[in-house]
Amino acid sequence: MRAEPTILHVDLDAFFASVEQRDKPSLRGKPVVVGGIGGRGVVATASYEARAFGVHSAMPTAEARRRCPNAAFLAGRFHAYRETSRAVMELLRGISPLVEPLSLDEAFVDLSAADLADASVAGVSALAHELKEKVTEVTGGLTGSVGIGSSKFIAKIASELDKPNGLVVIAPGMEQDLLRPMQVTVIPGVGPATAENLRRIGVHTVADLEAVSEDELVRVLGKAQGHGLYLLARAEDDRPVVSEREAKSISVEDTYDVDHVDRRILDALVDRQATKVTERLRKARSSGRTVTLKVRLHDFSTHTRSATLPGPTDDARTISRVARTLLAELDTSGGVRLLGVGVSALADWIQDDLFSDAEDIEEEAPEPEDVVALARLGERRYWLPGLDVVHTEHGQGWVWGSGRGVVTVRFETAATGPGRVLSFAADDPALQQLRPPPEA
């Protein structure tokens, strides 16, 4: 444990939805849901206006539509999210060389590697205030919540305490005072199944957990989890901040509030994680040969499966296809509470000819979360809600909706006010997808 609060965690608030509200003035202050829009879609991010209706990430889109039918449901524009994330990560690397991105919208920063004149609570608070202002500036209006503490665990909890747009610094020595009144589910890895096991031995809060011996926790939860929770109940976490340049593998994993059984939802979650892994691979200018799937079942048993490709890849479809195949080998009928997708055996090159072109659409209809959101399949065109488009006469806008041969567009951008809505034939040659600029 550190004697100074020098680990910072920044989490951009409702990131995907906030980017959409930034770029679509008519959606500001209104419920927005980003993710898969089809029958097997899953919510990636919901704006705070949509969260008021009970919509949250990893929820099936069908359920989100029932809870908030008036929300704007958008397929997502990954180029816009990557560009915004890149600006924030460059800002963080200007503070410290030790930046550990967890996803496009959150990262740890080790301030002990920064040129800090004052690492006291007051000193890091001043730095965080300045950082938050710069985040809003470089993102064109987005906000981020910042937590700072003596460990990753404490910093991440701190960033959740005052969302959105919050700043919380936990002074060293105050960690257990912070944790003790909290529900035990605040600890990473304590989902419904573990919480129920702990409830049976009288554990509801972190203070209750702290009073239980390590032997008892190991007996109830198993060696690895029991030992881990014993340490975290005492705020003991010595994990370092590891920059991506030092990573031997790149992975993404998520723990869910409910156990997922529906294979369609699980496949969609794997697709989303494969996309996130690909984003991190490309940001690190890396590729990898070995794809690993991590699954934690309802009984907290953890299983990993790996497969090695003939050559390295950074293609999301290839990674997703392999991970889905590995998932099919496991019995998930009892429910899945954690999924993770990772790539290892990293290289700094890609054997392009081993893999299909990322621009190809192989399925009968496009996946809503594909980076390539508009594709020609024969003579049909698919216009997904939220897609950037341009019309030769009316200029730039975004797809408001489509169906029965008609596409409706709202013509507005981040720099304009709310724009007018016009409808066109879906095959109107004057209306085209606005292609994002190629990545540097």
Protein backbone atom coordinates (compact mmCIF):
# COMPACT_ATOMS: atom_id res chain seq x y z
CA MET A 1 0.00 0.00 0.00
CA ARG A 2 1.20 3.49 -0.83
CA ALA A 3 1.74 6.26 1.67
CA GLU A 4 0.45 8.87 -0.79
CA PRO A 5 -2.67 8.93 -3.01
CA THR A 6 -0.87 8.43 -6.32
CA ILE A 7 -3.12 6.10 -8.33
CA LEU A 8 -5.74 7.88 -10.38
CA HIS A 9 -8.71 6.28 -12.12
CA VAL A 10 -10.64 8.25 -14.74
CA ASP A 11 -13.96 7.04 -16.14
CA LEU A 12 -15.66 9.01 -18.90
CA ASP A 13 -19.34 9.38 -18.04
CA ALA A 14 -21.80 7.36 -20.17
CA PHE A 15 -19.12 7.52 -22.84
CA PHE A 16 -20.70 6.18 -26.05
CA ALA A 17 -24.01 7.89 -25.32
CA SER A 18 -22.26 11.16 -24.40
CA VAL A 19 -20.37 11.17 -27.71
CA GLU A 20 -23.67 10.69 -29.53
CA GLN A 21 -25.31 13.52 -27.59
CA ARG A 22 -22.31 15.75 -28.32
CA ASP A 23 -22.53 15.10 -32.06
CA LYS A 24 -26.35 15.08 -32.28
CA PRO A 25 -27.72 18.29 -30.70
CA SER A 26 -31.34 17.10 -30.83
CA LEU A 27 -30.45 14.25 -28.41
CA ARG A 28 -28.89 16.40 -25.69
CA GLY A 29 -30.76 15.96 -22.43
CA LYS A 30 -32.76 13.04 -23.81
CA PRO A 31 -32.46 9.26 -23.22
CA VAL A 32 -29.96 7.62 -25.56
CA VAL A 33 -29.07 3.92 -25.73
CA VAL A 34 -26.07 2.70 -27.74
CA GLY A 35 -25.42 -0.93 -28.63
CA GLY A 36 -26.88 -3.79 -30.59
CA ILE A 37 -30.24 -2.76 -32.01
CA GLY A 38 -31.35 -6.16 -33.33
CA GLY A 39 -33.22 -8.97 -31.65
CA ARG A 40 -30.10 -10.32 -29.97
CA GLY A 41 -28.57 -6.92 -29.25
CA VAL A 42 -27.11 -5.86 -25.92
CA VAL A 43 -26.85 -2.36 -24.47
CA ALA A 44 -23.28 -1.02 -24.55
CA THR A 45 -23.98 2.31 -22.82
CA ALA A 46 -27.06 4.24 -21.73
CA SER A 47 -27.18 7.97 -21.09
CA TYR A 48 -28.07 9.09 -17.60
CA GLU A 49 -31.49 10.09 -18.87
CA ALA A 50 -32.06 6.46 -19.96
CA ARG A 51 -30.59 5.08 -16.74
CA ALA A 52 -33.38 6.86 -14.86
CA PHE A 53 -35.71 4.30 -16.49
CA GLY A 54 -33.59 1.37 -15.30
CA VAL A 55 -31.61 0.84 -18.52
CA HIS A 56 -28.02 -0.32 -17.97
CA SER A 57 -25.11 -1.84 -19.88
CA ALA A 58 -25.25 -5.56 -20.74
CA MET A 59 -29.07 -5.44 -20.63
CA PRO A 60 -30.78 -7.02 -23.65
CA THR A 61 -31.85 -4.26 -26.00
CA ALA A 62 -35.37 -5.69 -26.11
CA GLU A 63 -35.68 -5.14 -22.35
CA ALA A 64 -34.26 -1.63 -22.68
CA ARG A 65 -36.92 -0.83 -25.29
CA ARG A 66 -39.63 -1.98 -22.92
CA ARG A 67 -38.28 0.15 -20.09
CA CYS A 68 -37.58 3.26 -22.13
CA PRO A 69 -39.50 3.12 -25.42
CA ASN A 70 -38.94 6.80 -26.18
CA ALA A 71 -35.13 6.57 -26.08
CA ALA A 72 -33.00 6.96 -29.19
CA PHE A 73 -31.53 3.52 -29.91
CA LEU A 74 -28.31 3.90 -31.90
CA ALA A 75 -26.00 1.29 -33.39
CA GLY A 76 -22.81 3.13 -32.51
CA ARG A 77 -19.98 4.87 -34.36
CA PHE A 78 -16.71 3.35 -33.23
CA HIS A 79 -14.53 5.75 -35.20
CA ALA A 80 -15.96 8.65 -33.18
CA TYR A 81 -15.41 6.82 -29.89
CA ARG A 82 -11.84 5.87 -30.82
CA GLU A 83 -11.00 9.44 -31.84
CA THR A 84 -12.39 10.85 -28.59
CA SER A 85 -10.68 8.17 -26.50
CA ARG A 86 -7.38 8.80 -28.23
CA ALA A 87 -7.49 12.48 -27.26
CA VAL A 88 -8.09 11.59 -23.61
CA MET A 89 -5.37 8.91 -23.49
CA GLU A 90 -2.86 11.35 -25.00
CA LEU A 91 -3.83 13.82 -22.32
CA LEU A 92 -3.23 11.22 -19.60
CA ARG A 93 0.14 10.24 -21.05
CA GLY A 94 1.11 13.89 -20.85
CA ILE A 95 0.71 13.58 -17.08
CA SER A 96 2.48 10.25 -16.53
CA PRO A 97 4.21 7.63 -18.69
CA LEU A 98 2.38 4.93 -16.73
CA VAL A 99 -1.15 4.85 -18.13
CA GLU A 100 -3.14 1.61 -18.17
CA PRO A 101 -6.22 1.87 -20.41
CA LEU A 102 -8.96 -0.55 -19.38
CA SER A 103 -11.22 0.29 -22.31
CA LEU A 104 -11.93 3.27 -24.53
CA ASP A 105 -13.50 5.18 -21.66
CA GLU A 106 -11.43 4.43 -18.57
CA ALA A 107 -7.83 4.17 -17.46
CA PHE A 108 -5.52 4.07 -14.46
CA VAL A 109 -2.69 6.60 -14.15
CA ASP A 110 0.29 6.19 -11.80
CA LEU A 111 1.00 9.66 -10.49
CA SER A 112 4.16 8.51 -8.74
CA ALA A 113 5.74 8.43 -12.21
CA ALA A 114 4.58 12.00 -12.91
CA ASP A 115 6.50 15.16 -12.24
CA LEU A 116 4.48 16.16 -9.17
CA ALA A 117 5.63 18.92 -6.88
CA ASP A 118 2.99 17.96 -4.31
CA ALA A 119 1.59 14.41 -3.92
CA SER A 120 -0.58 15.32 -0.95
CA VAL A 121 -4.37 15.11 -1.06
CA ALA A 122 -4.52 18.82 -1.86
CA GLY A 123 -1.86 18.48 -4.56
CA VAL A 124 -3.45 15.57 -6.42
CA SER A 125 -6.89 17.19 -6.05
CA ALA A 126 -5.64 20.29 -7.83
CA LEU A 127 -4.13 18.15 -10.58
CA ALA A 128 -7.42 16.24 -10.97
CA HIS A 129 -9.48 19.43 -11.24
CA GLU A 130 -7.19 20.64 -14.02
CA LEU A 131 -7.37 17.22 -15.71
CA LYS A 132 -11.17 17.23 -15.69
CA GLU A 133 -11.25 20.66 -17.32
CA LYS A 134 -8.83 19.51 -20.02
CA VAL A 135 -10.89 16.33 -20.63
CA THR A 136 -13.96 18.47 -21.31
CA GLU A 137 -11.89 20.69 -23.59
CA VAL A 138 -10.27 17.95 -25.72
CA THR A 139 -13.49 15.91 -26.03
CA GLY A 140 -15.72 18.79 -27.01
CA GLY A 141 -17.82 18.81 -23.87
CA LEU A 142 -17.68 15.32 -22.32
CA THR A 143 -17.14 14.86 -18.61
CA GLY A 144 -15.18 12.29 -16.64
CA SER A 145 -15.32 11.10 -13.06
CA VAL A 146 -11.98 10.82 -11.27
CA GLY A 147 -11.03 8.80 -8.22
CA ILE A 148 -7.62 8.91 -6.55
CA GLY A 149 -6.29 6.66 -3.82
CA SER A 150 -3.44 4.52 -2.62
CA SER A 151 -4.37 1.52 -4.83
CA LYS A 152 -6.24 0.58 -7.97
CA PHE A 153 -9.08 -0.85 -5.92
CA ILE A 154 -9.59 2.33 -3.91
CA ALA A 155 -9.15 4.65 -6.91
CA LYS A 156 -11.79 2.81 -8.92
CA ILE A 157 -14.27 2.83 -6.03
CA ALA A 158 -13.60 6.53 -5.51
CA SER A 159 -14.40 7.32 -9.15
CA GLU A 160 -17.83 5.70 -8.72
CA LEU A 161 -18.81 7.66 -5.62
CA ASP A 162 -19.82 10.95 -7.20
CA LYS A 163 -20.79 10.22 -10.81
CA PRO A 164 -21.26 11.90 -13.15
CA ASN A 165 -18.48 14.48 -13.35
CA GLY A 166 -17.23 13.70 -9.85
CA LEU A 167 -13.88 13.93 -8.10
CA VAL A 168 -13.10 11.97 -4.95
CA VAL A 169 -9.68 11.60 -3.31
CA ILE A 170 -9.27 9.03 -0.54
CA ALA A 171 -6.50 9.94 1.86
CA PRO A 172 -4.13 7.10 2.80
CA GLY A 173 -5.22 5.57 6.09
CA MET A 174 -8.90 6.27 5.42
CA GLU A 175 -9.49 3.32 3.07
CA GLN A 176 -11.10 0.98 5.58
CA ASP A 177 -13.26 3.74 7.04
CA LEU A 178 -14.57 4.28 3.52
CA LEU A 179 -15.15 0.59 2.81
CA ARG A 180 -16.62 -0.73 6.04
CA PRO A 181 -20.17 0.69 5.71
CA MET A 182 -20.44 -0.33 2.05
CA GLN A 183 -22.31 -3.36 0.80
CA VAL A 184 -19.96 -6.23 0.08
CA THR A 185 -20.97 -6.12 -3.59
CA VAL A 186 -18.75 -3.04 -3.98
CA ILE A 187 -15.77 -5.42 -4.13
CA PRO A 188 -14.89 -6.56 -7.67
CA GLY A 189 -15.99 -10.15 -8.28
CA VAL A 190 -18.75 -10.14 -5.68
CA GLY A 191 -21.86 -10.64 -7.77
CA PRO A 192 -25.23 -12.13 -6.85
CA ALA A 193 -23.99 -15.71 -6.36
CA THR A 194 -21.04 -14.76 -4.15
CA ALA A 195 -23.15 -12.23 -2.27
CA GLU A 196 -25.67 -14.97 -1.50
CA ASN A 197 -22.93 -17.31 -0.25
CA LEU A 198 -21.65 -14.53 1.99
CA ARG A 199 -25.15 -13.68 3.22
CA ARG A 200 -25.52 -17.24 4.45
CA ILE A 201 -22.61 -16.68 6.84
CA GLY A 202 -23.93 -13.30 7.93
CA VAL A 203 -21.84 -11.07 5.67
CA HIS A 204 -23.63 -8.06 4.19
CA THR A 205 -21.14 -5.20 4.45
CA VAL A 206 -17.40 -4.92 4.01
CA ALA A 207 -17.15 -4.57 7.80
CA ASP A 208 -18.88 -7.95 8.15
CA LEU A 209 -16.44 -9.42 5.63
CA GLU A 210 -13.46 -8.01 7.49
CA ALA A 211 -14.57 -9.85 10.62
CA VAL A 212 -14.49 -13.26 8.88
CA SER A 213 -11.26 -15.27 9.02
CA GLU A 214 -9.39 -16.14 5.86
CA ASP A 215 -9.87 -19.87 6.56
CA GLU A 216 -13.64 -19.39 6.69
CA LEU A 217 -13.70 -17.41 3.44
CA VAL A 218 -11.61 -20.07 1.70
CA ARG A 219 -13.98 -22.74 2.97
CA VAL A 220 -17.02 -20.89 1.65
CA LEU A 221 -15.64 -19.42 -1.59
CA GLY A 222 -12.58 -21.40 -2.52
CA LYS A 223 -8.92 -20.62 -2.12
CA ALA A 224 -8.39 -17.98 -4.81
CA GLN A 225 -11.52 -15.94 -4.21
CA GLY A 226 -11.48 -16.37 -0.45
CA HIS A 227 -7.89 -15.12 -0.21
CA GLY A 228 -8.60 -12.25 -2.59
CA LEU A 229 -11.64 -11.04 -0.68
CA TYR A 230 -9.80 -11.34 2.63
CA LEU A 231 -7.19 -8.88 1.32
CA LEU A 232 -9.61 -6.47 -0.33
CA ALA A 233 -11.78 -6.27 2.79
CA ARG A 234 -8.68 -4.76 4.40
CA ALA A 235 -8.05 -2.47 1.39
CA GLU A 236 -4.90 -4.44 0.55
CA ASP A 237 -4.17 -4.18 -3.17
CA ASP A 238 -0.64 -3.85 -4.48
CA ARG A 239 -1.31 -4.26 -8.20
CA PRO A 240 0.87 -1.88 -10.23
CA VAL A 241 -0.29 0.31 -13.09
CA VAL A 242 0.99 -1.43 -16.22
CA SER A 243 1.19 0.54 -19.46
CA GLU A 244 0.06 -1.23 -22.62
CA ARG A 245 3.56 -1.09 -24.00
CA GLU A 246 4.59 -3.57 -21.30
CA ALA A 247 1.62 -5.88 -21.71
CA LYS A 248 2.25 -9.48 -22.77
CA SER A 249 -1.43 -9.92 -23.54
CA ILE A 250 -4.42 -7.70 -24.14
CA SER A 251 -7.78 -8.68 -22.74
CA VAL A 252 -11.18 -7.40 -21.69
CA GLU A 253 -13.47 -8.98 -19.11
CA ASP A 254 -16.76 -8.00 -17.52
CA THR A 255 -18.65 -9.24 -14.46
CA TYR A 256 -22.43 -9.07 -14.76
CA ASP A 257 -25.06 -8.23 -12.19
CA VAL A 258 -27.18 -11.17 -13.34
CA ASP A 259 -26.18 -14.61 -14.61
CA HIS A 260 -26.66 -14.74 -18.38
CA VAL A 261 -28.07 -17.95 -19.86
CA ASP A 262 -29.31 -16.92 -23.30
CA ARG A 263 -26.69 -17.97 -25.83
CA ARG A 264 -27.59 -15.11 -28.14
CA ILE A 265 -26.79 -12.60 -25.41
CA LEU A 266 -23.55 -14.40 -24.55
CA ASP A 267 -22.48 -14.39 -28.20
CA ALA A 268 -23.27 -10.67 -28.45
CA LEU A 269 -21.23 -9.96 -25.31
CA VAL A 270 -18.31 -11.93 -26.77
CA ASP A 271 -18.62 -9.90 -29.99
CA ARG A 272 -18.46 -6.66 -28.02
CA GLN A 273 -15.41 -7.77 -26.04
CA ALA A 274 -13.64 -8.91 -29.21
CA THR A 275 -14.22 -5.43 -30.62
CA LYS A 276 -12.75 -3.83 -27.48
CA VAL A 277 -9.71 -6.13 -27.61
CA THR A 278 -9.21 -5.20 -31.26
CA GLU A 279 -9.33 -1.51 -30.39
CA ARG A 280 -6.61 -1.99 -27.80
CA LEU A 281 -4.50 -4.12 -30.14
CA ARG A 282 -4.59 -1.48 -32.83
CA LYS A 283 -3.88 1.32 -30.38
CA ALA A 284 -0.81 -0.65 -29.24
CA ARG A 285 0.06 -1.38 -32.89
CA SER A 286 0.04 -5.08 -32.05
CA SER A 287 -1.57 -8.29 -33.17
CA GLY A 288 -1.72 -11.73 -31.60
CA ARG A 289 -1.98 -15.41 -32.44
CA THR A 290 -3.61 -16.91 -29.34
CA VAL A 291 -7.23 -16.14 -28.47
CA THR A 292 -8.32 -16.95 -24.91
CA LEU A 293 -11.83 -17.08 -23.51
CA LYS A 294 -12.42 -16.80 -19.76
CA VAL A 295 -15.79 -17.81 -18.31
CA ARG A 296 -16.94 -17.72 -14.71
CA LEU A 297 -20.12 -19.71 -14.16
CA HIS A 298 -22.96 -19.25 -11.68
CA ASP A 299 -21.20 -21.48 -9.14
CA PHE A 300 -18.07 -19.28 -9.43
CA SER A 301 -16.07 -21.99 -11.15
CA THR A 302 -13.75 -20.38 -13.67
CA HIS A 303 -12.85 -21.94 -17.02
CA THR A 304 -10.41 -20.81 -19.68
CA ARG A 305 -10.10 -22.06 -23.24
CA SER A 306 -7.50 -21.02 -25.81
CA ALA A 307 -6.90 -21.52 -29.51
CA THR A 308 -3.85 -20.52 -31.54
CA LEU A 309 -4.18 -19.17 -35.07
CA PRO A 310 -1.68 -19.85 -37.87
CA GLY A 311 -0.66 -16.19 -37.84
CA PRO A 312 -1.26 -13.01 -35.82
CA THR A 313 -4.43 -10.97 -36.25
CA ASP A 314 -6.06 -7.78 -35.01
CA ASP A 315 -9.34 -8.51 -36.78
CA ALA A 316 -12.41 -8.31 -34.52
CA ARG A 317 -14.38 -10.85 -36.55
CA THR A 318 -11.63 -13.43 -36.43
CA ILE A 319 -11.17 -12.98 -32.68
CA SER A 320 -14.92 -13.10 -32.08
CA ARG A 321 -15.37 -16.19 -34.26
CA VAL A 322 -12.67 -18.07 -32.34
CA ALA A 323 -13.99 -16.93 -28.95
CA ARG A 324 -17.54 -17.98 -29.84
CA THR A 325 -16.28 -21.41 -30.84
CA LEU A 326 -14.50 -21.74 -27.50
CA LEU A 327 -17.67 -20.65 -25.69
CA ALA A 328 -19.66 -23.36 -27.44
CA GLU A 329 -17.40 -25.97 -25.84
CA LEU A 330 -18.62 -25.03 -22.35
CA ASP A 331 -21.87 -25.86 -20.58
CA THR A 332 -23.28 -22.43 -19.75
CA SER A 333 -26.84 -23.57 -19.04
CA GLY A 334 -26.53 -22.65 -15.37
CA GLY A 335 -25.64 -19.05 -16.16
CA VAL A 336 -22.52 -16.99 -16.83
CA ARG A 337 -21.49 -14.23 -14.44
CA LEU A 338 -18.16 -13.22 -16.03
CA LEU A 339 -16.84 -13.26 -19.58
CA GLY A 340 -13.41 -12.32 -20.81
CA VAL A 341 -11.74 -12.32 -24.21
CA GLY A 342 -8.00 -11.91 -24.60
CA VAL A 343 -5.24 -12.12 -27.19
CA SER A 344 -1.66 -13.14 -26.45
CA ALA A 345 1.47 -14.22 -28.33
CA LEU A 346 1.67 -10.58 -29.43
CA ALA A 347 3.50 -9.39 -32.50
CA ASP A 348 3.96 -6.01 -34.13
CA TRP A 349 2.79 -7.21 -37.56
CA ILE A 350 -0.26 -8.79 -39.14
CA GLN A 351 -0.38 -11.54 -41.76
CA ASP A 352 -3.23 -9.94 -43.65
CA ASP A 353 -3.74 -12.64 -46.27
CA LEU A 354 -4.72 -15.22 -43.64
CA PHE A 355 -7.87 -13.36 -42.72
CA SER A 356 -10.91 -11.96 -44.43
CA ASP A 357 -11.13 -8.28 -45.26
CA ALA A 358 -12.65 -6.38 -42.35
CA GLU A 359 -14.84 -4.51 -44.85
CA ASP A 360 -16.60 -7.70 -45.96
CA ILE A 361 -20.02 -8.51 -44.55
CA GLU A 362 -20.25 -12.29 -44.32
CA GLU A 363 -23.69 -12.69 -42.79
CA GLU A 364 -27.07 -12.16 -44.38
CA ALA A 365 -27.59 -8.95 -42.41
CA PRO A 366 -24.95 -6.74 -40.76
CA GLU A 367 -24.25 -6.94 -37.05
CA PRO A 368 -25.38 -3.69 -35.42
CA GLU A 369 -22.11 -3.30 -33.51
CA ASP A 370 -19.89 -3.64 -36.57
CA VAL A 371 -17.56 -0.75 -37.20
CA VAL A 372 -18.74 -0.91 -40.82
CA ALA A 373 -22.33 -0.01 -40.12
CA LEU A 374 -23.50 0.40 -43.70
CA ALA A 375 -22.89 -2.31 -46.30
CA ARG A 376 -24.15 -3.30 -49.67
CA LEU A 377 -25.48 -6.85 -49.83
CA GLY A 378 -26.46 -7.42 -53.41
CA GLU A 379 -28.80 -4.54 -54.22
CA ARG A 380 -29.92 -3.85 -50.64
CA ARG A 381 -28.52 -1.18 -48.38
CA TYR A 382 -28.77 -1.18 -44.60
CA TRP A 383 -29.15 2.15 -42.82
CA LEU A 384 -28.57 1.78 -39.10
CA PRO A 385 -29.83 4.39 -36.61
CA GLY A 386 -27.11 6.87 -35.68
CA LEU A 387 -25.02 6.31 -38.81
CA ASP A 388 -23.27 9.42 -40.18
CA VAL A 389 -24.47 10.28 -43.69
CA VAL A 390 -24.14 13.09 -46.19
CA HIS A 391 -26.61 14.28 -48.82
CA THR A 392 -25.44 16.12 -51.93
CA GLU A 393 -28.01 18.89 -51.40
CA HIS A 394 -28.74 18.95 -47.65
CA GLY A 395 -25.29 18.24 -46.23
CA GLN A 396 -24.29 16.15 -43.23
CA GLY A 397 -26.64 14.35 -40.86
CA TRP A 398 -27.40 11.04 -39.22
CA VAL A 399 -29.85 8.22 -39.75
CA TRP A 400 -32.91 8.78 -37.59
CA GLY A 401 -34.68 5.60 -38.73
CA SER A 402 -35.36 3.40 -41.74
CA GLY A 403 -37.72 0.76 -43.02
CA ARG A 404 -39.95 -0.21 -45.96
CA GLY A 405 -37.60 1.32 -48.48
CA VAL A 406 -37.38 4.70 -46.75
CA VAL A 407 -34.56 6.24 -44.71
CA THR A 408 -35.16 9.26 -42.47
CA VAL A 409 -32.27 11.61 -41.72
CA ARG A 410 -31.86 14.42 -39.22
CA PHE A 411 -29.48 17.00 -40.65
CA GLU A 412 -27.32 18.32 -37.82
CA THR A 413 -23.79 18.10 -36.48
CA ALA A 414 -22.01 18.87 -33.23
CA ALA A 415 -21.47 22.45 -34.44
CA THR A 416 -25.11 23.16 -35.31
CA GLY A 417 -28.34 23.37 -33.39
CA PRO A 418 -31.02 20.68 -33.69
CA GLY A 419 -31.62 20.04 -37.37
CA ARG A 420 -34.57 19.30 -39.60
CA VAL A 421 -35.76 15.81 -40.47
CA LEU A 422 -36.18 14.62 -44.07
CA SER A 423 -36.98 11.23 -45.61
CA PHE A 424 -35.56 9.67 -48.76
CA ALA A 425 -35.77 6.46 -50.72
CA ALA A 426 -33.32 3.97 -49.26
CA ASP A 427 -31.58 3.65 -52.63
CA ASP A 428 -31.35 7.41 -53.25
CA PRO A 429 -27.90 7.89 -54.84
CA ALA A 430 -27.66 11.40 -53.36
CA LEU A 431 -27.49 9.93 -49.85
CA GLN A 432 -24.27 8.22 -48.86
CA GLN A 433 -22.49 7.03 -45.74
CA LEU A 434 -20.04 9.62 -44.45
CA ARG A 435 -16.86 7.59 -44.30
CA PRO A 436 -14.63 8.25 -41.29
CA PRO A 437 -11.09 9.39 -42.02
CA PRO A 438 -8.51 6.57 -42.08
CA GLU A 439 -6.71 5.94 -38.82
CA ALA A 440 -3.23 7.32 -38.50
